[in-house]
Amino acid sequence: MHEVIRGQSYDGGFFIDNAVRLDGRLVLTRNRSEICQYYAFYFGTADPDSNPELWNTLLTRFGPSRNRTNAYTDVHEANAFIGNYLRLELLARYGYVRQAVDESADYLHYMAERTGTLWENDGDYASCNHGFASHVVHSLIRDVLGIYRIDPIAQILTLRFCDLEISFCKGVLPLGDGAVHLEWSKVDGRVEYRIDAPPGYKVKVENLTGLPLNGKMDESAIFYTSEEE
């Protein structure tokens, strides 16, 4: 399916949204949208290695700044849900976590200021308290707080600390009958963290900060690094 989509939809610059059938033939339209590009990358039809020019375009020319730069006016702009959320997921997936955090503020802060809620659309014309918009909380817990992955079957909790501008974060995430308590701060050129996990959980730590890492944890948790997995 990926090969068929690439062959039929990719026009050398962008993925085209659709084709129409004329006289028994599929004829590509010129309908090109920002969200179509994110679908292609999110579901594996494209990736930064197979489509480096398109990925660089999306990375540097698209996003919340498009409404100021008017870049690629022939590519229809993504809406808040689900387009902007897919963009944030892709940025985090490919290691652009700081950019994802910055853009999430650009996308969402004005909503919270205006109504105290997050919206389905990028305008306040409908569904201004949208459940799916809370996905950003998952993103912040994963990418900012650092609770990256939880395997409740194997009882493995993976922490991933990223290179961010902020200097402190603290949070609690319910897990089973207990909760994960995690806080971290930058102190004297290193990252200090403390983790309290439910009994029996192993804790794996990935350090992407570029700084030395020093951790403390509850005695009930078992600690091991990614190299010891």
Foldseek 3Di string as FASTA:
>chain_A
DLVVQCVPADPPAAGADAFDADPNDTHTDLAAALQRRLVCDVVPSDHCVRCVVNVVCCVPVDALCCVVVVPPVSHHYDWVPPRLVSVLVNCVVVQNLQVSVVRVCSQAVVLCVPPVAPANGSDPPDRSHPDVSCVVVVSCCCRPQFQPDADPVQQETEGEHAAYPDFKDWDWADDDVRIKTKIWGDDPQAIEMEIEDPAPHEYEYHYHRPTHYHYYYDPRYHYDYPVVD
